[in-house]
Structure formats: structure tokens, C-alpha cells
Amino acid sequence: MAAGWGNVAAMDRGSNKHSARVDDELAQEVRGFVQGVGGARAEANRVPEPSAEGEPEVSSVLGGDEANDISRFGRYIGRAALPGDREKLRLSAETLLAPDDVLADIDSLPAGQEFHTVAEIWSALGRR
């Protein structure tokens, strides 16, 4: 064994500043900070805070099939199309090769109205 390696156990601990007992006490003191405390998760039945003035309304959580439908619809609305009116949305959907049902939905949107999110478009289509 080389000189200076007399106490291998102390080196394995990474520090010989404190004794093992003091290290264990310090670890116990900070355990709540390191691991977190119970009850930190949000409850499933909590209602989201209302939107700030001038901000879009908070949308509700969608069910499984409805979430898939809006996701499929949203794939054909390019980011550059928002905010946009019916014509801008239609051009984006055509560029992204949207199927006929998506194009028909866009065509049924009210003329002259500007939409900022896919959720707004979805709501204007009468879907929730």
C-alpha cells in the first residue's frame, strides 16, 4: 500500500471532515429537502386559475378521442398560420396536404374572424 492510503474507508466516504455519525445526522437533516415532501403533487380535481386580463381563456382538458381529433386537426394548421383567418388557415392546411374533412371544417369557419390557437378554431367549430 502506498503512503497516505492508510484509511481507505475514509476516502471511500468522499470526506473525512466529519465523523460517520455527524455525516449521518447531517444527511437526516437535509433528507426532506433532497427527497421532497409528501403531498407536493397537484390534486387531479383542482380547477385552473382564471386567465389574466387580455390573455386567452384556459381551455378544458379533453377526453381521449376528442384529444386525438383536435391533435389530428392541429397537424394541418401550421404555426405561421396563427394568428390567422379562414383563408390563411385554409392555405396552410392545403400546403400541409390536409384531408378533405379538415379542409371542410376550415371552410365552415366564420369569415373575417381571426384565430390565435387551434383550441379557438376547435371551439368555433362547435367542438369541445
N, C-alpha and C. Protein backbone atom coordinates (compact mmCIF):
# COMPACT_ATOMS: atom_id res chain seq x y z
N MET A 1 0.83 -1.16 0.00
CA MET A 1 0.00 0.00 0.00
C MET A 1 0.89 1.25 0.00
N ALA A 2 0.48 2.26 -0.78
CA ALA A 2 1.27 3.48 -0.88
C ALA A 2 1.07 4.33 0.36
N ALA A 3 2.05 5.19 0.60
CA ALA A 3 1.97 6.08 1.76
C ALA A 3 0.79 7.04 1.59
N GLY A 4 0.10 7.34 2.67
CA GLY A 4 -1.04 8.25 2.61
C GLY A 4 -2.35 7.55 2.35
N TRP A 5 -2.34 6.25 2.17
CA TRP A 5 -3.56 5.49 1.89
C TRP A 5 -3.96 4.65 3.09
N GLY A 6 -3.59 5.06 4.25
CA GLY A 6 -3.82 4.27 5.45
C GLY A 6 -5.28 4.06 5.78
N ASN A 7 -6.15 5.04 5.56
CA ASN A 7 -7.56 4.90 5.92
C ASN A 7 -8.39 4.93 4.64
N VAL A 8 -8.50 3.79 3.98
CA VAL A 8 -9.24 3.69 2.72
C VAL A 8 -10.72 3.94 2.94
N ALA A 9 -11.29 3.52 4.07
CA ALA A 9 -12.71 3.71 4.34
C ALA A 9 -13.07 5.19 4.37
N ALA A 10 -12.21 6.02 4.93
CA ALA A 10 -12.49 7.45 4.98
C ALA A 10 -12.48 8.04 3.58
N MET A 11 -11.63 7.53 2.71
CA MET A 11 -11.57 8.04 1.35
C MET A 11 -12.80 7.62 0.56
N ASP A 12 -13.30 6.44 0.80
CA ASP A 12 -14.49 5.98 0.11
C ASP A 12 -15.69 6.85 0.45
N ARG A 13 -15.71 7.39 1.64
CA ARG A 13 -16.81 8.25 2.06
C ARG A 13 -16.78 9.58 1.33
N GLY A 14 -15.66 9.95 0.74
CA GLY A 14 -15.56 11.18 0.00
C GLY A 14 -15.17 12.37 0.85
N SER A 15 -15.19 12.24 2.15
CA SER A 15 -14.84 13.35 3.03
C SER A 15 -14.45 12.79 4.38
N ASN A 16 -13.41 13.33 4.95
CA ASN A 16 -13.08 12.95 6.31
C ASN A 16 -13.16 14.17 7.22
N LYS A 17 -13.97 15.16 6.81
CA LYS A 17 -14.16 16.37 7.59
C LYS A 17 -14.97 16.08 8.86
N HIS A 18 -15.96 15.19 8.74
CA HIS A 18 -16.82 14.84 9.87
C HIS A 18 -16.71 13.35 10.12
N SER A 19 -17.15 12.95 11.27
CA SER A 19 -17.20 11.52 11.56
C SER A 19 -18.43 10.93 10.87
N ALA A 20 -18.50 9.63 10.81
CA ALA A 20 -19.64 8.94 10.19
C ALA A 20 -20.94 9.32 10.88
N ARG A 21 -20.92 9.44 12.19
CA ARG A 21 -22.12 9.79 12.94
C ARG A 21 -22.61 11.19 12.57
N VAL A 22 -21.71 12.15 12.48
CA VAL A 22 -22.09 13.52 12.14
C VAL A 22 -22.60 13.58 10.70
N ASP A 23 -21.93 12.85 9.79
CA ASP A 23 -22.40 12.79 8.40
C ASP A 23 -23.82 12.25 8.33
N ASP A 24 -24.11 11.20 9.09
CA ASP A 24 -25.45 10.62 9.09
C ASP A 24 -26.48 11.59 9.65
N GLU A 25 -26.12 12.33 10.69
CA GLU A 25 -27.03 13.32 11.26
C GLU A 25 -27.32 14.44 10.26
N LEU A 26 -26.28 14.91 9.59
CA LEU A 26 -26.47 15.96 8.58
C LEU A 26 -27.33 15.46 7.43
N ALA A 27 -27.09 14.22 7.01
CA ALA A 27 -27.90 13.65 5.93
C ALA A 27 -29.36 13.56 6.33
N GLN A 28 -29.63 13.20 7.58
CA GLN A 28 -31.00 13.11 8.08
C GLN A 28 -31.67 14.49 8.09
N GLU A 29 -30.91 15.52 8.43
CA GLU A 29 -31.46 16.88 8.49
C GLU A 29 -31.89 17.39 7.12
N VAL A 30 -31.17 17.05 6.08
CA VAL A 30 -31.48 17.58 4.75
C VAL A 30 -32.30 16.62 3.90
N ARG A 31 -32.65 15.46 4.43
CA ARG A 31 -33.36 14.46 3.65
C ARG A 31 -34.67 15.02 3.06
N GLY A 32 -35.42 15.80 3.81
CA GLY A 32 -36.67 16.38 3.31
C GLY A 32 -36.44 17.32 2.13
N PHE A 33 -35.33 18.03 2.14
CA PHE A 33 -35.02 18.94 1.04
C PHE A 33 -34.59 18.18 -0.20
N VAL A 34 -33.84 17.11 0.00
CA VAL A 34 -33.30 16.35 -1.13
C VAL A 34 -34.37 15.48 -1.77
N GLN A 35 -35.18 14.80 -0.97
CA GLN A 35 -36.17 13.87 -1.49
C GLN A 35 -37.53 14.51 -1.70
N GLY A 36 -37.75 15.68 -1.18
CA GLY A 36 -39.07 16.30 -1.28
C GLY A 36 -39.96 15.80 -0.17
N VAL A 37 -41.09 16.44 -0.05
CA VAL A 37 -42.03 16.05 0.99
C VAL A 37 -43.30 15.53 0.34
N GLY A 38 -44.04 14.72 1.05
CA GLY A 38 -45.28 14.18 0.52
C GLY A 38 -46.31 15.26 0.30
N GLY A 39 -47.23 15.01 -0.62
CA GLY A 39 -48.30 15.96 -0.87
C GLY A 39 -47.91 17.10 -1.79
N ALA A 40 -46.77 17.01 -2.44
CA ALA A 40 -46.33 18.09 -3.31
C ALA A 40 -47.01 18.05 -4.68
N ARG A 41 -47.67 16.98 -5.01
CA ARG A 41 -48.33 16.87 -6.32
C ARG A 41 -49.65 17.62 -6.33
N ALA A 42 -50.00 18.12 -7.49
CA ALA A 42 -51.29 18.81 -7.63
C ALA A 42 -52.41 17.78 -7.59
N GLU A 43 -53.50 18.16 -7.00
CA GLU A 43 -54.65 17.27 -6.96
C GLU A 43 -55.36 17.28 -8.30
N ALA A 44 -55.86 16.12 -8.70
CA ALA A 44 -56.49 15.98 -10.01
C ALA A 44 -57.76 16.82 -10.14
N ASN A 45 -58.45 17.09 -9.05
CA ASN A 45 -59.72 17.80 -9.14
C ASN A 45 -59.57 19.31 -8.98
N ARG A 46 -58.37 19.83 -9.03
CA ARG A 46 -58.16 21.27 -8.88
C ARG A 46 -58.59 22.00 -10.14
N VAL A 47 -59.14 23.15 -9.97
CA VAL A 47 -59.59 23.98 -11.08
C VAL A 47 -58.46 24.94 -11.44
N PRO A 48 -58.15 25.11 -12.73
CA PRO A 48 -57.07 26.04 -13.09
C PRO A 48 -57.44 27.48 -12.75
N GLU A 49 -56.43 28.28 -12.53
CA GLU A 49 -56.67 29.69 -12.25
C GLU A 49 -57.27 30.36 -13.47
N PRO A 50 -58.09 31.37 -13.26
CA PRO A 50 -58.65 32.08 -14.41
C PRO A 50 -57.54 32.82 -15.16
N SER A 51 -57.78 33.07 -16.43
CA SER A 51 -56.79 33.75 -17.26
C SER A 51 -56.65 35.20 -16.82
N ALA A 52 -55.46 35.73 -17.04
CA ALA A 52 -55.22 37.14 -16.75
C ALA A 52 -55.94 38.00 -17.77
N GLU A 53 -56.14 39.25 -17.44
CA GLU A 53 -56.82 40.15 -18.35
C GLU A 53 -56.02 40.27 -19.65
N GLY A 54 -56.70 40.11 -20.76
CA GLY A 54 -56.05 40.19 -22.06
C GLY A 54 -55.44 38.89 -22.54
N GLU A 55 -55.51 37.84 -21.75
CA GLU A 55 -54.97 36.54 -22.13
C GLU A 55 -56.09 35.64 -22.61
N PRO A 56 -55.80 34.65 -23.49
CA PRO A 56 -56.85 33.73 -23.92
C PRO A 56 -57.36 32.90 -22.75
N GLU A 57 -58.61 32.47 -22.85
CA GLU A 57 -59.22 31.67 -21.80
C GLU A 57 -58.52 30.32 -21.68
N VAL A 58 -58.48 29.79 -20.46
CA VAL A 58 -57.91 28.47 -20.22
C VAL A 58 -58.87 27.44 -20.79
N SER A 59 -58.35 26.54 -21.62
CA SER A 59 -59.22 25.52 -22.20
C SER A 59 -59.33 24.33 -21.26
N SER A 60 -60.41 23.59 -21.39
CA SER A 60 -60.61 22.43 -20.54
C SER A 60 -59.79 21.25 -21.05
N VAL A 61 -59.61 20.26 -20.21
CA VAL A 61 -58.89 19.06 -20.59
C VAL A 61 -59.80 18.20 -21.44
N LEU A 62 -59.27 17.72 -22.54
CA LEU A 62 -60.07 16.93 -23.47
C LEU A 62 -60.02 15.45 -23.12
N GLY A 63 -61.06 14.74 -23.51
CA GLY A 63 -61.08 13.29 -23.35
C GLY A 63 -60.19 12.64 -24.41
N GLY A 64 -60.02 11.34 -24.34
CA GLY A 64 -59.11 10.62 -25.23
C GLY A 64 -59.41 10.77 -26.70
N ASP A 65 -60.63 10.45 -27.14
CA ASP A 65 -60.97 10.54 -28.56
C ASP A 65 -60.96 11.98 -29.04
N GLU A 66 -61.49 12.85 -28.22
CA GLU A 66 -61.53 14.26 -28.58
C GLU A 66 -60.12 14.84 -28.68
N ALA A 67 -59.24 14.41 -27.79
CA ALA A 67 -57.85 14.87 -27.83
C ALA A 67 -57.18 14.40 -29.11
N ASN A 68 -57.47 13.19 -29.53
CA ASN A 68 -56.91 12.68 -30.78
C ASN A 68 -57.44 13.46 -31.97
N ASP A 69 -58.73 13.82 -31.94
CA ASP A 69 -59.33 14.56 -33.04
C ASP A 69 -58.72 15.95 -33.18
N ILE A 70 -58.58 16.66 -32.08
CA ILE A 70 -58.01 18.01 -32.15
C ILE A 70 -56.53 17.95 -32.51
N SER A 71 -55.85 16.92 -32.06
CA SER A 71 -54.44 16.75 -32.41
C SER A 71 -54.29 16.51 -33.90
N ARG A 72 -55.14 15.65 -34.45
CA ARG A 72 -55.11 15.37 -35.89
C ARG A 72 -55.42 16.65 -36.67
N PHE A 73 -56.43 17.38 -36.24
CA PHE A 73 -56.80 18.63 -36.90
C PHE A 73 -55.65 19.64 -36.83
N GLY A 74 -55.04 19.76 -35.66
CA GLY A 74 -53.97 20.72 -35.45
C GLY A 74 -52.72 20.46 -36.27
N ARG A 75 -52.51 19.21 -36.67
CA ARG A 75 -51.35 18.89 -37.51
C ARG A 75 -51.36 19.64 -38.83
N TYR A 76 -52.53 20.02 -39.28
CA TYR A 76 -52.66 20.66 -40.59
C TYR A 76 -52.78 22.18 -40.48
N ILE A 77 -52.57 22.71 -39.29
CA ILE A 77 -52.55 24.16 -39.10
C ILE A 77 -51.11 24.53 -38.77
N GLY A 78 -50.40 25.10 -39.73
CA GLY A 78 -49.01 25.47 -39.50
C GLY A 78 -48.88 26.61 -38.51
N ARG A 79 -47.74 26.67 -37.83
CA ARG A 79 -47.52 27.73 -36.84
C ARG A 79 -47.57 29.11 -37.47
N ALA A 80 -47.11 29.23 -38.70
CA ALA A 80 -47.12 30.53 -39.37
C ALA A 80 -48.54 30.99 -39.69
N ALA A 81 -49.51 30.08 -39.66
CA ALA A 81 -50.89 30.44 -39.98
C ALA A 81 -51.61 31.09 -38.80
N LEU A 82 -51.01 31.02 -37.63
CA LEU A 82 -51.65 31.58 -36.43
C LEU A 82 -50.89 32.81 -35.96
N PRO A 83 -51.53 33.88 -35.64
CA PRO A 83 -52.96 34.09 -35.79
C PRO A 83 -53.32 34.24 -37.26
N GLY A 84 -54.54 33.78 -37.57
CA GLY A 84 -54.98 33.86 -38.95
C GLY A 84 -56.47 33.68 -39.10
N ASP A 85 -56.97 34.12 -40.25
CA ASP A 85 -58.39 33.97 -40.56
C ASP A 85 -58.60 32.70 -41.37
N ARG A 86 -59.83 32.48 -41.81
CA ARG A 86 -60.19 31.26 -42.52
C ARG A 86 -59.31 31.05 -43.75
N GLU A 87 -59.06 32.10 -44.53
CA GLU A 87 -58.29 31.95 -45.75
C GLU A 87 -56.84 31.56 -45.46
N LYS A 88 -56.25 32.18 -44.46
CA LYS A 88 -54.86 31.86 -44.09
C LYS A 88 -54.76 30.43 -43.57
N LEU A 89 -55.75 30.01 -42.79
CA LEU A 89 -55.77 28.64 -42.26
C LEU A 89 -55.94 27.63 -43.40
N ARG A 90 -56.80 27.96 -44.36
CA ARG A 90 -57.04 27.07 -45.50
C ARG A 90 -55.75 26.90 -46.31
N LEU A 91 -55.05 27.99 -46.58
CA LEU A 91 -53.80 27.92 -47.34
C LEU A 91 -52.77 27.05 -46.62
N SER A 92 -52.67 27.22 -45.31
CA SER A 92 -51.74 26.41 -44.52
C SER A 92 -52.11 24.93 -44.58
N ALA A 93 -53.40 24.64 -44.44
CA ALA A 93 -53.86 23.24 -44.46
C ALA A 93 -53.61 22.61 -45.83
N GLU A 94 -53.83 23.37 -46.90
CA GLU A 94 -53.57 22.84 -48.24
C GLU A 94 -52.08 22.56 -48.43
N THR A 95 -51.24 23.46 -47.93
CA THR A 95 -49.79 23.28 -48.02
C THR A 95 -49.35 22.02 -47.29
N LEU A 96 -50.01 21.73 -46.17
CA LEU A 96 -49.66 20.55 -45.37
C LEU A 96 -50.45 19.31 -45.80
N LEU A 97 -51.09 19.39 -46.97
CA LEU A 97 -51.82 18.26 -47.57
C LEU A 97 -52.90 17.71 -46.64
N ALA A 98 -53.72 18.60 -46.12
CA ALA A 98 -54.80 18.20 -45.22
C ALA A 98 -55.85 17.39 -45.96
N PRO A 99 -56.45 16.41 -45.28
CA PRO A 99 -57.53 15.63 -45.89
C PRO A 99 -58.79 16.49 -46.08
N ASP A 100 -59.71 15.98 -46.88
CA ASP A 100 -60.91 16.73 -47.22
C ASP A 100 -61.74 17.14 -46.01
N ASP A 101 -61.85 16.27 -45.00
CA ASP A 101 -62.68 16.62 -43.84
C ASP A 101 -62.10 17.80 -43.07
N VAL A 102 -60.79 17.90 -43.00
CA VAL A 102 -60.16 19.03 -42.32
C VAL A 102 -60.38 20.31 -43.12
N LEU A 103 -60.24 20.22 -44.44
CA LEU A 103 -60.48 21.39 -45.30
C LEU A 103 -61.93 21.84 -45.19
N ALA A 104 -62.86 20.88 -45.13
CA ALA A 104 -64.28 21.23 -45.00
C ALA A 104 -64.54 21.93 -43.67
N ASP A 105 -63.89 21.47 -42.60
CA ASP A 105 -64.03 22.13 -41.30
C ASP A 105 -63.53 23.56 -41.37
N ILE A 106 -62.39 23.76 -42.00
CA ILE A 106 -61.84 25.12 -42.11
C ILE A 106 -62.76 26.00 -42.93
N ASP A 107 -63.31 25.45 -44.02
CA ASP A 107 -64.24 26.22 -44.86
C ASP A 107 -65.50 26.63 -44.11
N SER A 108 -65.87 25.87 -43.07
CA SER A 108 -67.09 26.19 -42.32
C SER A 108 -66.86 27.24 -41.23
N LEU A 109 -65.62 27.68 -41.06
CA LEU A 109 -65.33 28.71 -40.05
C LEU A 109 -65.92 30.05 -40.49
N PRO A 110 -66.28 30.91 -39.54
CA PRO A 110 -66.82 32.22 -39.90
C PRO A 110 -65.77 33.08 -40.62
N ALA A 111 -66.20 33.76 -41.66
CA ALA A 111 -65.30 34.62 -42.43
C ALA A 111 -64.96 35.87 -41.62
N GLY A 112 -63.74 36.35 -41.78
CA GLY A 112 -63.33 37.59 -41.15
C GLY A 112 -62.92 37.48 -39.70
N GLN A 113 -63.04 36.32 -39.10
CA GLN A 113 -62.65 36.14 -37.70
C GLN A 113 -61.21 35.64 -37.65
N GLU A 114 -60.41 36.23 -36.76
CA GLU A 114 -59.02 35.81 -36.61
C GLU A 114 -58.90 34.86 -35.43
N PHE A 115 -58.18 33.77 -35.64
CA PHE A 115 -57.99 32.75 -34.61
C PHE A 115 -56.54 32.75 -34.16
N HIS A 116 -56.32 32.61 -32.85
CA HIS A 116 -54.97 32.64 -32.30
C HIS A 116 -54.43 31.26 -31.93
N THR A 117 -55.32 30.32 -31.67
CA THR A 117 -54.90 28.97 -31.27
C THR A 117 -55.78 27.93 -31.96
N VAL A 118 -55.28 26.72 -32.01
CA VAL A 118 -56.07 25.62 -32.56
C VAL A 118 -57.30 25.38 -31.67
N ALA A 119 -57.16 25.60 -30.38
CA ALA A 119 -58.30 25.44 -29.46
C ALA A 119 -59.42 26.42 -29.80
N GLU A 120 -59.06 27.64 -30.18
CA GLU A 120 -60.08 28.62 -30.59
C GLU A 120 -60.80 28.15 -31.85
N ILE A 121 -60.04 27.62 -32.79
CA ILE A 121 -60.63 27.11 -34.03
C ILE A 121 -61.58 25.97 -33.70
N TRP A 122 -61.11 25.07 -32.86
CA TRP A 122 -61.90 23.89 -32.47
C TRP A 122 -63.21 24.31 -31.82
N SER A 123 -63.13 25.32 -30.97
CA SER A 123 -64.32 25.83 -30.30
C SER A 123 -65.27 26.49 -31.31
N ALA A 124 -64.73 27.22 -32.27
CA ALA A 124 -65.56 27.87 -33.29
C ALA A 124 -66.26 26.84 -34.16
N LEU A 125 -65.70 25.65 -34.24
CA LEU A 125 -66.34 24.56 -34.99
C LEU A 125 -67.43 23.88 -34.17
N GLY A 126 -67.62 24.34 -32.93
CA GLY A 126 -68.66 23.78 -32.08
C GLY A 126 -68.24 22.52 -31.36
N ARG A 127 -66.96 22.31 -31.25
CA ARG A 127 -66.46 21.10 -30.58
C ARG A 127 -65.79 21.51 -29.29
N ARG A 128 -65.87 20.64 -28.33
CA ARG A 128 -65.25 20.91 -27.02
C ARG A 128 -64.53 19.70 -26.54
